[in-house]
């Protein structure tokens, strides 16, 4: 598991119908999704540990 603390504000996005239920049925889905997001950021050249979110 990632030792970095989580952001206090969650990231929310809409998904196609039925995806939410299927995703929640996957064991450890939240951590796996976080890892995929980290990989996506690495692929685009961003280091997620240095990012600052501006709202």
C-alpha atoms as a PDB file:
ATOM      1  CA  UNK A   1       0.000   0.000   0.000  1.00  0.00           C
ATOM      2  CA  UNK A   2       1.118   3.529  -0.702  1.00  0.00           C
ATOM      3  CA  UNK A   3       2.700   5.246   2.309  1.00  0.00           C
ATOM      4  CA  UNK A   4       1.807   8.712   0.995  1.00  0.00           C
ATOM      5  CA  UNK A   5      -1.195  10.367   2.675  1.00  0.00           C
ATOM      6  CA  UNK A   6      -4.348  10.772   0.638  1.00  0.00           C
ATOM      7  CA  UNK A   7      -5.620  14.159  -0.475  1.00  0.00           C
ATOM      8  CA  UNK A   8      -8.410  15.470   1.747  1.00  0.00           C
ATOM      9  CA  UNK A   9     -10.614  16.153  -1.291  1.00  0.00           C
ATOM     10  CA  UNK A  10     -11.736  13.051  -3.224  1.00  0.00           C
ATOM     11  CA  UNK A  11     -11.635  12.938  -7.008  1.00  0.00           C
ATOM     12  CA  UNK A  12     -15.049  12.185  -8.497  1.00  0.00           C
ATOM     13  CA  UNK A  13     -15.979  11.435 -12.088  1.00  0.00           C
ATOM     14  CA  UNK A  14     -18.928  10.002 -13.958  1.00  0.00           C
ATOM     15  CA  UNK A  15     -18.799   6.532 -15.483  1.00  0.00           C
ATOM     16  CA  UNK A  16     -21.049   4.649 -17.891  1.00  0.00           C
ATOM     17  CA  UNK A  17     -24.086   2.860 -16.504  1.00  0.00           C
ATOM     18  CA  UNK A  18     -23.216  -0.375 -14.744  1.00  0.00           C
ATOM     19  CA  UNK A  19     -19.513   0.436 -14.328  1.00  0.00           C
ATOM     20  CA  UNK A  20     -19.857   1.509 -10.695  1.00  0.00           C
ATOM     21  CA  UNK A  21     -21.329  -1.826  -9.598  1.00  0.00           C
ATOM     22  CA  UNK A  22     -18.810  -3.856 -11.605  1.00  0.00           C
ATOM     23  CA  UNK A  23     -15.895  -1.840 -10.251  1.00  0.00           C
ATOM     24  CA  UNK A  24     -17.026  -2.210  -6.638  1.00  0.00           C
ATOM     25  CA  UNK A  25     -17.194  -5.994  -7.124  1.00  0.00           C
ATOM     26  CA  UNK A  26     -13.434  -6.126  -7.823  1.00  0.00           C
ATOM     27  CA  UNK A  27     -11.382  -6.934  -4.705  1.00  0.00           C
ATOM     28  CA  UNK A  28      -9.174  -4.035  -3.563  1.00  0.00           C
ATOM     29  CA  UNK A  29     -10.556  -1.891  -6.390  1.00  0.00           C
ATOM     30  CA  UNK A  30      -9.726   1.467  -4.810  1.00  0.00           C
ATOM     31  CA  UNK A  31      -6.029   0.755  -4.346  1.00  0.00           C
ATOM     32  CA  UNK A  32      -5.800  -0.810  -7.791  1.00  0.00           C
ATOM     33  CA  UNK A  33      -7.439   2.249  -9.338  1.00  0.00           C
ATOM     34  CA  UNK A  34      -5.015   4.533  -7.476  1.00  0.00           C
ATOM     35  CA  UNK A  35      -2.118   2.526  -8.910  1.00  0.00           C
ATOM     36  CA  UNK A  36      -3.537   2.866 -12.432  1.00  0.00           C
ATOM     37  CA  UNK A  37      -3.864   6.633 -11.956  1.00  0.00           C
ATOM     38  CA  UNK A  38      -0.228   6.797 -10.789  1.00  0.00           C
ATOM     39  CA  UNK A  39       0.814   4.834 -13.907  1.00  0.00           C
ATOM     40  CA  UNK A  40      -1.175   7.173 -16.140  1.00  0.00           C
ATOM     41  CA  UNK A  41       0.513  10.201 -14.602  1.00  0.00           C
ATOM     42  CA  UNK A  42       3.952   8.608 -15.008  1.00  0.00           C
ATOM     43  CA  UNK A  43       3.214   7.894 -18.684  1.00  0.00           C
ATOM     44  CA  UNK A  44       2.418  11.558 -19.251  1.00  0.00           C
ATOM     45  CA  UNK A  45       5.601  12.673 -17.536  1.00  0.00           C
ATOM     46  CA  UNK A  46       3.957  13.968 -14.353  1.00  0.00           C
ATOM     47  CA  UNK A  47       5.131  12.942 -10.921  1.00  0.00           C
ATOM     48  CA  UNK A  48       1.974  12.509  -8.840  1.00  0.00           C
ATOM     49  CA  UNK A  49       3.860  13.069  -5.593  1.00  0.00           C
ATOM     50  CA  UNK A  50       4.747  16.617  -6.653  1.00  0.00           C
ATOM     51  CA  UNK A  51       1.341  17.631  -7.997  1.00  0.00           C
ATOM     52  CA  UNK A  52      -0.736  20.347  -6.412  1.00  0.00           C
ATOM     53  CA  UNK A  53      -4.432  20.523  -7.150  1.00  0.00           C
ATOM     54  CA  UNK A  54      -5.953  23.961  -7.637  1.00  0.00           C
ATOM     55  CA  UNK A  55      -9.696  24.122  -7.144  1.00  0.00           C
END
